Amino acid sequence: MKNVIYNLEDVFTTTGVPTVTYVQPKEYTSLLVALRTKGKGVVVEGPSGIGKTTAVFRVIDELGVSDRCIKLSARKTSDKDKIKEIAQGNFSGIALIDDFHRLDPALQKNISDVMKYLADEMDEDRKIVVVGINRVGDTLVHFSPDLNNRISTIHFETNSDEKVQELIELGEKALNIKFDDTKDLISNCFGSFHIAQLMCHMSCIKNDVVNTCEKLKKLHFSYPVVSGGIFDEFGRSFFEIARVFATGPRLRREGRAPYLHILKWLSESDKWSVSLTSEIQKHPEQKAGVIQIIEKKFLADFLEKNLDVGNYIHYDDTSKILSAEDPKFMFYLKSINWNNFAKDIGYIQLVETPKYDFALSFAGSNRDLAEKIFYRLQAHEIAVFYDKNEQADILGQDVEEYLFPIYNSEAAFVVPLLSNDYPTRVWTRIESQAYKKRYGEKAIIPIWYSDVPETMFDESKKYGGMTFNAGNDLDKEVDIIVNCLIEKIKIYRNE
């Protein structure tokens, strides 16, 4: 029997419902029983992008009732009239309403009333199924408190590591490939099957796999490379959405940036939604600014007026829950360097202190200068990445993957010591690749050795740096360099 040849896009899908790599969520059996039970409505709730709607479609197909099911979405304007008819009880069979949380409260209440009526009547021919974000069931019960025992609520959690691994293995089998290490892939897809699909898809492309391989092919998965590519791709769509939300109705450069902090809290959530009431308790320093935009309805009004942003961020003013509506957008938020982002959109005050103030990049033969700079700066309580100081952390790790984010984003400034040996060393080439785009961010402070040829490092000469005179007293030269770096970080902190 001839082996099936699959195209990459049919295995690791970036749009639509997967077939080859479909994995049943752990809630599948509970969902099947709930949908099969006559007379009770069903609420399916949980984070976006984890397969809730796909699972409902699968169960409906399995039960053989697709022909009796009307599938509607609150996102579609064309479906609104049909949803209003359902809210009046005018339907037959199964009414599936996706994105229920997007309906206006009055319509939600009417639907809750119909669900209660159907349950009381033990109607065996009609059923309402609503699908929405976390706590959408709480919203229904808020409208009709006695509805709680008349509906089945299936709460989807983010998918487990084992489920994501199952998805990956199905794709590996179909394409006849094997990823060398899936630990970073699994931990950074945040429980989303969709993000796992995207990362596997891009990794295959990076490894020139476009369909089933004739012989088993081992693939290297580099999370920094794959996530960087996805982040850049998503940035074209999501930067403006994030910027508009983070600045709120009006950018106040000197203000406390409440919308920016809320967006950052959302990015740190494991469940892709946050209770702003709870977050305020965790971040009392931001309470005054955030509670004002909540209590005065500024946040709710802002999202209502900015429909483009509202397609990706949902806020329930009743429960004070803020949720991400798109797993790709959530991945983008989780990948943002918040210090750089805050400055890019115009804020003076940084969201948080970067992991390092300076990261030193140098050839091993120039360690004498690097080490003296490190210790002098450290004495001034300035955070510096110096490889020798973190040797224990680096042991056993993929050094390239360990270093990449440090030079790419985790240090406020990169300080390369540009000697004759600098271009000849493997690690300095890797480090320079990681930080080269940051010249345009004014984040590179080059230090040129005085004995390098005039045309060497010509590209760096466009930016302000310092010269290290190798023939002079080392300690005096270090003092000059360190004093300048200290002044630079003072200016940086006060910008």
Protein backbone atom coordinates (compact mmCIF):
# COMPACT_ATOMS: atom_id res chain seq x y z
CA MET A 1 0.00 0.00 0.00
CA LYS A 2 1.39 3.35 -1.02
CA ASN A 3 2.12 5.76 1.81
CA VAL A 4 0.02 8.92 1.87
CA ILE A 5 1.90 12.09 0.98
CA TYR A 6 0.71 15.09 2.97
CA ASN A 7 1.36 18.75 2.29
CA LEU A 8 2.70 20.71 5.25
CA GLU A 9 -0.29 23.08 5.33
CA ASP A 10 -2.69 20.12 5.60
CA VAL A 11 -0.83 18.69 8.59
CA PHE A 12 0.18 21.71 10.67
CA THR A 13 -2.67 24.02 9.75
CA THR A 14 -2.55 27.80 10.20
CA THR A 15 -6.22 28.37 9.34
CA GLY A 16 -9.39 26.36 9.61
CA VAL A 17 -10.08 23.15 11.51
CA PRO A 18 -7.25 20.58 11.58
CA THR A 19 -7.90 17.04 10.44
CA VAL A 20 -4.59 15.13 10.47
CA THR A 21 -3.50 16.70 13.75
CA TYR A 22 -6.87 16.98 15.49
CA VAL A 23 -6.61 16.10 19.19
CA GLN A 24 -9.63 15.60 21.43
CA PRO A 25 -9.54 17.93 24.46
CA LYS A 26 -9.94 16.24 27.86
CA GLU A 27 -13.39 17.84 28.18
CA TYR A 28 -14.65 16.02 25.07
CA THR A 29 -16.55 13.23 26.86
CA SER A 30 -18.25 15.62 29.29
CA LEU A 31 -19.24 17.79 26.33
CA LEU A 32 -20.68 14.80 24.45
CA VAL A 33 -22.84 13.75 27.41
CA ALA A 34 -24.04 17.33 27.98
CA LEU A 35 -25.02 17.81 24.34
CA ARG A 36 -26.77 14.44 24.29
CA THR A 37 -28.79 15.16 27.45
CA LYS A 38 -32.31 16.24 26.56
CA GLY A 39 -33.96 19.29 28.07
CA LYS A 40 -30.88 21.10 29.38
CA GLY A 41 -29.01 23.96 27.76
CA VAL A 42 -25.23 23.82 27.49
CA VAL A 43 -22.63 26.48 28.22
CA VAL A 44 -19.12 25.93 26.85
CA GLU A 45 -16.63 28.41 28.29
CA GLY A 46 -12.88 28.87 28.40
CA PRO A 47 -9.95 30.78 26.87
CA SER A 48 -9.86 31.59 23.16
CA GLY A 49 -7.96 29.39 20.75
CA ILE A 50 -8.01 26.13 22.69
CA GLY A 51 -10.56 24.28 20.56
CA LYS A 52 -13.94 24.85 22.24
CA THR A 53 -15.93 25.50 19.07
CA THR A 54 -14.09 22.81 17.11
CA ALA A 55 -14.92 20.29 19.86
CA VAL A 56 -18.60 21.26 19.79
CA PHE A 57 -18.72 20.80 15.99
CA ARG A 58 -17.03 17.39 16.35
CA VAL A 59 -19.49 16.18 18.98
CA ILE A 60 -22.49 17.38 16.95
CA ASP A 61 -21.15 15.43 13.95
CA GLU A 62 -20.54 12.36 16.10
CA LEU A 63 -24.08 12.51 17.47
CA GLY A 64 -25.42 12.75 13.94
CA VAL A 65 -27.45 15.89 14.59
CA SER A 66 -25.69 18.34 12.27
CA ASP A 67 -28.81 18.65 10.14
CA ARG A 68 -30.79 19.79 13.20
CA CYS A 69 -28.19 22.37 14.31
CA ILE A 70 -28.14 26.05 13.36
CA LYS A 71 -24.65 27.47 13.87
CA LEU A 72 -24.47 31.19 14.58
CA SER A 73 -21.82 33.64 15.75
CA ALA A 74 -22.23 36.91 17.62
CA ARG A 75 -19.30 38.20 15.57
CA LYS A 76 -21.32 38.01 12.34
CA THR A 77 -23.69 40.88 11.64
CA SER A 78 -25.66 38.60 9.33
CA ASP A 79 -26.41 36.25 12.25
CA LYS A 80 -27.75 38.90 14.65
CA ASP A 81 -31.37 38.73 13.44
CA LYS A 82 -31.44 34.93 13.77
CA ILE A 83 -30.00 35.18 17.29
CA LYS A 84 -32.77 37.64 18.20
CA GLU A 85 -35.34 35.11 16.98
CA ILE A 86 -33.78 32.46 19.21
CA ALA A 87 -33.94 34.91 22.13
CA GLN A 88 -37.71 34.95 21.55
CA GLY A 89 -37.89 31.16 21.46
CA ASN A 90 -38.50 31.03 17.72
CA PHE A 91 -36.34 28.09 16.63
CA SER A 92 -36.27 24.32 16.40
CA GLY A 93 -33.50 21.76 16.95
CA ILE A 94 -30.16 22.86 18.36
CA ALA A 95 -29.23 26.54 18.36
CA LEU A 96 -25.46 26.99 18.69
CA ILE A 97 -24.41 30.58 19.50
CA ASP A 98 -20.65 31.13 19.34
CA ASP A 99 -18.94 34.20 20.89
CA PHE A 100 -21.96 34.59 23.18
CA HIS A 101 -20.08 37.10 25.35
CA ARG A 102 -20.17 39.56 22.42
CA LEU A 103 -23.94 39.94 22.54
CA ASP A 104 -25.35 42.97 24.31
CA PRO A 105 -26.54 42.27 27.89
CA ALA A 106 -30.24 42.65 27.06
CA LEU A 107 -30.01 39.95 24.39
CA GLN A 108 -27.98 37.71 26.70
CA LYS A 109 -30.70 38.03 29.35
CA ASN A 110 -33.44 37.10 26.88
CA ILE A 111 -31.49 33.99 25.85
CA SER A 112 -30.99 33.02 29.51
CA ASP A 113 -34.75 33.30 30.00
CA VAL A 114 -35.38 30.99 27.03
CA MET A 115 -32.84 28.45 28.33
CA LYS A 116 -34.63 28.46 31.70
CA TYR A 117 -38.01 27.98 30.02
CA LEU A 118 -36.78 25.06 27.90
CA ALA A 119 -35.31 23.39 30.98
CA ASP A 120 -38.49 23.82 33.00
CA GLU A 121 -40.55 22.39 30.15
CA MET A 122 -38.07 19.53 29.67
CA ASP A 123 -38.20 20.30 25.96
CA GLU A 124 -36.65 17.29 24.20
CA ASP A 125 -36.68 18.82 20.74
CA ARG A 126 -34.94 22.14 21.36
CA LYS A 127 -31.62 23.01 22.97
CA ILE A 128 -29.51 26.16 23.18
CA VAL A 129 -25.72 25.81 23.25
CA VAL A 130 -23.68 28.93 23.97
CA VAL A 131 -19.91 29.15 23.53
CA GLY A 132 -17.85 31.96 25.02
CA ILE A 133 -14.90 33.04 27.08
CA ASN A 134 -14.18 32.30 30.73
CA ARG A 135 -17.13 32.82 33.11
CA VAL A 136 -19.71 33.31 30.40
CA GLY A 137 -21.79 30.89 32.49
CA ASP A 138 -21.54 33.30 35.44
CA THR A 139 -23.01 36.02 33.23
CA LEU A 140 -26.03 33.84 32.42
CA VAL A 141 -26.56 32.94 36.07
CA HIS A 142 -26.24 36.61 36.99
CA PHE A 143 -29.27 37.32 34.79
CA SER A 144 -31.21 34.27 36.02
CA PRO A 145 -29.84 32.97 39.36
CA ASP A 146 -32.06 29.86 39.31
CA LEU A 147 -30.65 28.87 35.91
CA ASN A 148 -27.57 27.36 37.53
CA ASN A 149 -29.11 23.91 38.02
CA ARG A 150 -30.89 23.98 34.66
CA ILE A 151 -27.81 24.10 32.41
CA SER A 152 -24.68 22.02 31.90
CA THR A 153 -21.52 24.11 32.05
CA ILE A 154 -18.42 22.65 30.42
CA HIS A 155 -15.35 24.64 31.35
CA PHE A 156 -12.41 24.17 28.98
CA GLU A 157 -8.95 24.65 30.44
CA THR A 158 -5.87 25.41 28.40
CA ASN A 159 -4.62 22.19 26.84
CA SER A 160 -2.16 20.09 28.79
CA ASP A 161 1.43 19.50 27.71
CA GLU A 162 0.50 15.89 26.98
CA LYS A 163 -2.28 16.96 24.59
CA VAL A 164 0.05 19.37 22.76
CA GLN A 165 2.66 16.60 22.55
CA GLU A 166 0.00 14.33 21.03
CA LEU A 167 -0.69 16.95 18.35
CA ILE A 168 3.02 17.26 17.55
CA GLU A 169 3.46 13.50 17.30
CA LEU A 170 0.53 13.20 14.88
CA GLY A 171 2.20 15.81 12.67
CA GLU A 172 5.59 14.14 12.93
CA LYS A 173 4.11 10.81 11.85
CA ALA A 174 2.26 12.34 8.89
CA LEU A 175 5.33 14.24 7.62
CA ASN A 176 7.88 11.57 8.60
CA ILE A 177 9.89 14.01 10.70
CA LYS A 178 11.16 14.21 14.27
CA PHE A 179 11.78 17.43 16.19
CA ASP A 180 14.99 17.19 18.22
CA ASP A 181 13.44 18.88 21.29
CA THR A 182 9.84 19.94 21.83
CA LYS A 183 10.17 21.23 25.40
CA ASP A 184 10.35 24.92 24.43
CA LEU A 185 7.68 24.47 21.78
CA ILE A 186 5.21 22.99 24.26
CA SER A 187 5.91 25.40 27.12
CA ASN A 188 5.60 28.45 24.90
CA CYS A 189 2.37 27.66 23.06
CA PHE A 190 0.52 28.44 26.33
CA GLY A 191 -1.87 25.52 25.99
CA SER A 192 -3.12 26.62 22.58
CA PHE A 193 -3.39 24.01 19.85
CA HIS A 194 -3.47 26.82 17.30
CA ILE A 195 -0.15 28.33 18.45
CA ALA A 196 1.39 24.84 18.51
CA GLN A 197 0.27 24.40 14.90
CA LEU A 198 1.81 27.74 13.92
CA MET A 199 5.15 27.00 15.59
CA CYS A 200 5.40 23.53 14.07
CA HIS A 201 4.45 24.96 10.67
CA MET A 202 7.14 27.65 10.80
CA SER A 203 9.77 25.25 12.13
CA CYS A 204 9.11 22.92 9.20
CA ILE A 205 9.53 25.81 6.78
CA LYS A 206 12.79 26.82 8.46
CA ASN A 207 13.98 23.23 7.96
CA ASP A 208 12.77 23.07 4.31
CA VAL A 209 10.01 20.54 4.97
CA VAL A 210 6.97 21.22 2.76
CA ASN A 211 5.45 17.74 2.52
CA THR A 212 5.94 14.17 3.75
CA CYS A 213 9.63 13.22 3.67
CA GLU A 214 10.74 10.03 1.92
CA LYS A 215 13.12 9.24 4.77
CA LEU A 216 12.77 10.19 8.41
CA LYS A 217 14.14 13.72 8.79
CA LYS A 218 15.28 15.12 12.12
CA LEU A 219 14.43 18.78 12.60
CA HIS A 220 16.09 21.31 14.89
CA PHE A 221 13.54 23.41 16.76
CA SER A 222 14.93 26.79 17.84
CA TYR A 223 12.33 28.66 19.84
CA PRO A 224 14.01 32.11 19.54
CA VAL A 225 14.17 31.78 15.75
CA VAL A 226 10.62 30.43 15.35
CA SER A 227 9.01 32.78 17.87
CA GLY A 228 10.92 35.73 16.43
CA GLY A 229 9.59 34.96 12.97
CA ILE A 230 6.04 34.56 14.25
CA PHE A 231 6.31 37.71 16.36
CA ASP A 232 7.53 39.77 13.40
CA GLU A 233 4.73 38.38 11.24
CA PHE A 234 2.08 39.07 13.89
CA GLY A 235 3.50 42.52 14.56
CA ARG A 236 2.23 43.79 11.22
CA SER A 237 -1.32 43.00 12.33
CA PHE A 238 -1.22 43.44 16.09
CA PHE A 239 1.18 46.26 16.95
CA GLU A 240 -1.38 48.91 16.10
CA ILE A 241 -4.12 47.09 18.03
CA ALA A 242 -1.88 46.85 21.09
CA ARG A 243 -0.78 50.48 20.74
CA VAL A 244 -4.32 51.83 20.50
CA PHE A 245 -5.41 49.90 23.59
CA ALA A 246 -2.27 50.70 25.59
CA THR A 247 -2.58 54.45 25.06
CA GLY A 248 -6.32 54.53 25.77
CA PRO A 249 -8.47 57.46 24.65
CA ARG A 250 -5.50 59.78 24.88
CA LEU A 251 -1.75 59.35 25.31
CA ARG A 252 -0.49 61.04 28.46
CA ARG A 253 3.26 60.54 28.29
CA GLU A 254 3.85 61.50 31.90
CA GLY A 255 0.85 59.58 33.29
CA ARG A 256 0.50 56.24 35.08
CA ALA A 257 -0.49 54.42 31.87
CA PRO A 258 -3.42 52.37 33.25
CA TYR A 259 -4.38 50.86 29.87
CA LEU A 260 -0.77 49.83 29.26
CA HIS A 261 -0.54 48.10 32.63
CA ILE A 262 -3.84 46.29 32.10
CA LEU A 263 -2.59 44.98 28.74
CA LYS A 264 0.60 43.78 30.39
CA TRP A 265 -1.38 41.99 33.12
CA LEU A 266 -3.39 40.25 30.41
CA SER A 267 -0.16 39.11 28.73
CA GLU A 268 0.98 37.50 31.99
CA SER A 269 -2.19 35.46 32.41
CA ASP A 270 -2.09 31.69 32.00
CA LYS A 271 -5.79 31.57 31.15
CA TRP A 272 -5.79 34.41 28.59
CA SER A 273 -8.13 36.44 30.76
CA VAL A 274 -7.75 38.48 33.93
CA SER A 275 -10.02 39.68 36.67
CA LEU A 276 -9.17 43.36 36.94
CA THR A 277 -10.56 43.35 40.47
CA SER A 278 -7.98 40.72 41.45
CA GLU A 279 -5.15 42.35 39.51
CA ILE A 280 -5.67 45.66 41.31
CA GLN A 281 -5.07 43.85 44.59
CA LYS A 282 -1.83 42.42 43.23
CA HIS A 283 -0.65 45.78 41.90
CA PRO A 284 -1.64 48.40 44.49
CA GLU A 285 0.78 50.92 42.96
CA GLN A 286 -1.50 51.04 39.90
CA LYS A 287 -4.81 51.00 41.78
CA ALA A 288 -5.62 54.72 41.56
CA GLY A 289 -5.27 54.89 37.77
CA VAL A 290 -6.90 51.55 36.91
CA ILE A 291 -9.85 51.75 39.27
CA GLN A 292 -10.77 55.14 37.84
CA ILE A 293 -11.12 53.86 34.26
CA ILE A 294 -13.14 50.89 35.53
CA GLU A 295 -15.54 52.66 37.87
CA LYS A 296 -16.16 55.59 35.53
CA LYS A 297 -16.80 53.16 32.64
CA PHE A 298 -13.93 54.63 30.61
CA LEU A 299 -12.59 51.16 29.73
CA ALA A 300 -15.99 49.81 28.65
CA ASP A 301 -16.75 52.93 26.61
CA PHE A 302 -13.33 52.90 25.00
CA LEU A 303 -13.70 49.33 23.74
CA GLU A 304 -17.24 49.97 22.57
CA LYS A 305 -16.01 52.89 20.44
CA ASN A 306 -12.92 51.08 19.10
CA LEU A 307 -14.36 48.10 17.28
CA ASP A 308 -11.04 47.03 15.73
CA VAL A 309 -9.54 46.66 19.21
CA GLY A 310 -12.72 45.01 20.44
CA ASN A 311 -12.22 42.22 17.91
CA TYR A 312 -9.19 41.11 19.90
CA ILE A 313 -9.87 42.25 23.47
CA HIS A 314 -13.17 41.71 25.25
CA TYR A 315 -14.19 43.32 28.52
CA ASP A 316 -17.19 42.26 30.60
CA ASP A 317 -18.13 45.26 32.70
CA THR A 318 -20.29 43.08 34.96
CA SER A 319 -17.60 40.59 36.00
CA LYS A 320 -14.66 42.98 35.32
CA ILE A 321 -13.02 40.23 33.24
CA LEU A 322 -10.69 41.26 30.41
CA SER A 323 -9.96 38.55 27.82
CA ALA A 324 -7.90 38.03 24.69
CA GLU A 325 -10.10 36.98 21.78
CA ASP A 326 -7.43 35.58 19.46
CA PRO A 327 -4.62 33.14 20.37
CA LYS A 328 -2.31 34.81 17.84
CA PHE A 329 -2.84 38.17 19.51
CA MET A 330 -2.20 36.61 22.92
CA PHE A 331 1.05 35.09 21.64
CA TYR A 332 2.04 38.53 20.37
CA LEU A 333 1.33 40.10 23.78
CA LYS A 334 3.33 37.43 25.58
CA SER A 335 6.30 38.07 23.27
CA ILE A 336 6.40 41.86 23.70
CA ASN A 337 9.37 43.52 25.35
CA TRP A 338 7.29 45.84 27.49
CA ASN A 339 10.05 48.36 28.17
CA ASN A 340 10.68 48.87 24.47
CA PHE A 341 6.97 48.83 23.68
CA ALA A 342 6.19 51.49 26.29
CA LYS A 343 8.83 53.80 24.83
CA ASP A 344 7.83 53.03 21.23
CA ILE A 345 4.27 54.18 21.84
CA GLY A 346 5.33 57.37 23.61
CA TYR A 347 5.43 56.83 27.36
CA ILE A 348 8.16 58.42 29.45
CA GLN A 349 7.82 56.08 32.40
CA LEU A 350 8.97 52.51 31.82
CA VAL A 351 6.70 49.65 32.67
CA GLU A 352 9.47 47.76 34.45
CA THR A 353 13.20 47.70 34.85
CA PRO A 354 14.90 45.60 32.16
CA LYS A 355 16.65 42.41 33.18
CA TYR A 356 20.04 44.01 32.44
CA ASP A 357 21.17 47.59 32.04
CA PHE A 358 24.14 46.58 29.86
CA ALA A 359 25.17 43.39 28.07
CA LEU A 360 28.87 43.13 27.22
CA SER A 361 29.86 41.49 23.94
CA PHE A 362 33.55 40.74 23.43
CA ALA A 363 36.13 38.32 22.09
CA GLY A 364 37.71 36.04 24.68
CA SER A 365 41.08 37.70 24.16
CA ASN A 366 39.61 40.97 25.45
CA ARG A 367 38.29 39.61 28.73
CA ASP A 368 40.64 41.81 30.75
CA LEU A 369 38.81 44.97 29.67
CA ALA A 370 35.35 43.37 29.84
CA GLU A 371 35.89 42.07 33.36
CA LYS A 372 37.06 45.43 34.70
CA ILE A 373 34.07 47.21 33.14
CA PHE A 374 31.78 44.60 34.65
CA TYR A 375 33.08 44.90 38.20
CA ARG A 376 33.17 48.72 38.15
CA LEU A 377 29.58 48.94 36.93
CA GLN A 378 28.44 46.26 39.35
CA ALA A 379 29.84 48.33 42.22
CA HIS A 380 27.38 51.05 41.22
CA GLU A 381 24.44 48.56 41.45
CA ILE A 382 24.10 48.49 37.68
CA ALA A 383 22.95 45.18 36.21
CA VAL A 384 25.41 43.86 33.60
CA PHE A 385 25.38 40.64 31.61
CA TYR A 386 28.90 39.22 31.70
CA ASP A 387 29.13 35.57 30.63
CA LYS A 388 31.62 34.47 33.31
CA ASN A 389 29.33 35.74 36.04
CA GLU A 390 26.49 33.50 34.79
CA GLN A 391 28.55 30.45 33.94
CA ALA A 392 26.53 28.17 36.24
CA ASP A 393 23.26 29.15 34.54
CA ILE A 394 24.72 28.60 31.08
CA LEU A 395 26.02 25.10 31.85
CA GLY A 396 24.03 22.39 30.10
CA GLN A 397 21.99 24.85 28.02
CA ASP A 398 21.94 25.60 24.32
CA VAL A 399 24.29 28.59 24.52
CA GLU A 400 22.99 30.20 21.33
CA GLU A 401 19.40 30.09 22.57
CA TYR A 402 20.49 31.34 26.01
CA LEU A 403 22.33 34.35 24.62
CA PHE A 404 19.94 35.39 21.85
CA PRO A 405 17.21 37.06 23.95
CA ILE A 406 19.75 38.84 26.15
CA TYR A 407 21.30 40.71 23.24
CA ASN A 408 18.05 40.93 21.29
CA SER A 409 15.87 42.52 23.97
CA GLU A 410 16.64 41.79 27.64
CA ALA A 411 19.39 44.40 28.08
CA ALA A 412 18.68 48.12 27.87
CA PHE A 413 22.00 48.60 26.05
CA VAL A 414 24.52 46.32 24.37
CA VAL A 415 28.20 47.28 24.69
CA PRO A 416 30.34 45.48 22.06
CA LEU A 417 34.13 45.70 22.54
CA LEU A 418 35.19 46.00 18.89
CA SER A 419 38.74 44.69 18.64
CA ASN A 420 40.61 43.01 15.76
CA ASP A 421 39.55 39.64 17.17
CA TYR A 422 35.83 40.52 17.48
CA PRO A 423 34.71 39.48 13.96
CA THR A 424 36.69 36.23 14.05
CA ARG A 425 34.99 34.59 17.03
CA VAL A 426 31.90 32.36 16.76
CA TRP A 427 30.04 33.74 19.77
CA THR A 428 30.58 37.39 18.92
CA ARG A 429 29.15 36.73 15.46
CA ILE A 430 26.09 35.13 17.05
CA GLU A 431 25.71 38.00 19.52
CA SER A 432 26.08 40.65 16.81
CA GLN A 433 23.34 38.93 14.78
CA ALA A 434 21.06 39.13 17.80
CA TYR A 435 21.63 42.84 18.45
CA LYS A 436 22.22 44.29 14.99
CA LYS A 437 18.63 45.56 14.59
CA ARG A 438 19.01 47.49 17.85
CA TYR A 439 21.33 50.06 16.34
CA GLY A 440 18.18 51.72 15.05
CA GLU A 441 16.75 51.63 18.59
CA LYS A 442 19.77 53.60 19.87
CA ALA A 443 20.55 50.65 22.14
CA ILE A 444 24.13 49.90 20.99
CA ILE A 445 27.12 51.66 22.54
CA PRO A 446 30.20 50.55 20.56
CA ILE A 447 33.67 50.71 22.07
CA TRP A 448 36.35 50.67 19.36
CA TYR A 449 39.87 49.51 20.06
CA SER A 450 42.27 52.20 18.89
CA ASP A 451 44.44 49.75 16.93
CA VAL A 452 41.71 48.47 14.58
CA PRO A 453 41.89 49.59 10.92
CA GLU A 454 39.98 52.76 10.11
CA THR A 455 37.44 51.02 7.85
CA MET A 456 36.79 48.15 10.26
CA PHE A 457 33.34 48.25 11.89
CA ASP A 458 32.47 51.04 9.50
CA GLU A 459 28.72 50.53 9.97
CA SER A 460 28.98 51.16 13.71
CA LYS A 461 30.73 54.51 13.19
CA LYS A 462 27.38 56.13 12.39
CA TYR A 463 26.48 55.80 16.06
CA GLY A 464 27.96 57.38 19.13
CA GLY A 465 30.55 55.28 20.90
CA MET A 466 33.90 55.44 22.67
CA THR A 467 37.49 54.59 21.80
CA PHE A 468 39.61 52.36 24.03
CA ASN A 469 43.25 53.34 23.76
CA ALA A 470 45.01 50.04 24.28
CA GLY A 471 48.41 51.66 24.85
CA ASN A 472 47.26 53.79 27.80
CA ASP A 473 46.84 52.85 31.44
CA LEU A 474 44.07 50.22 31.56
CA ASP A 475 42.45 51.41 34.76
CA LYS A 476 42.27 55.03 33.57
CA GLU A 477 40.75 53.94 30.28
CA VAL A 478 38.20 51.81 32.14
CA ASP A 479 37.30 54.77 34.38
CA ILE A 480 36.52 56.91 31.32
CA ILE A 481 34.34 54.20 29.78
CA VAL A 482 32.51 53.33 33.00
CA ASN A 483 31.81 56.97 33.92
CA CYS A 484 30.23 57.52 30.50
CA LEU A 485 28.12 54.37 30.84
CA ILE A 486 26.93 55.43 34.29
CA GLU A 487 25.87 58.82 32.95
CA LYS A 488 24.07 57.10 30.08
CA ILE A 489 22.03 54.89 32.40
CA LYS A 490 21.12 57.92 34.53
CA ILE A 491 19.75 59.66 31.46
CA TYR A 492 17.96 56.47 30.45
CA ARG A 493 16.23 56.12 33.81
CA ASN A 494 15.03 59.72 33.69
CA GLU A 495 13.80 59.71 30.09
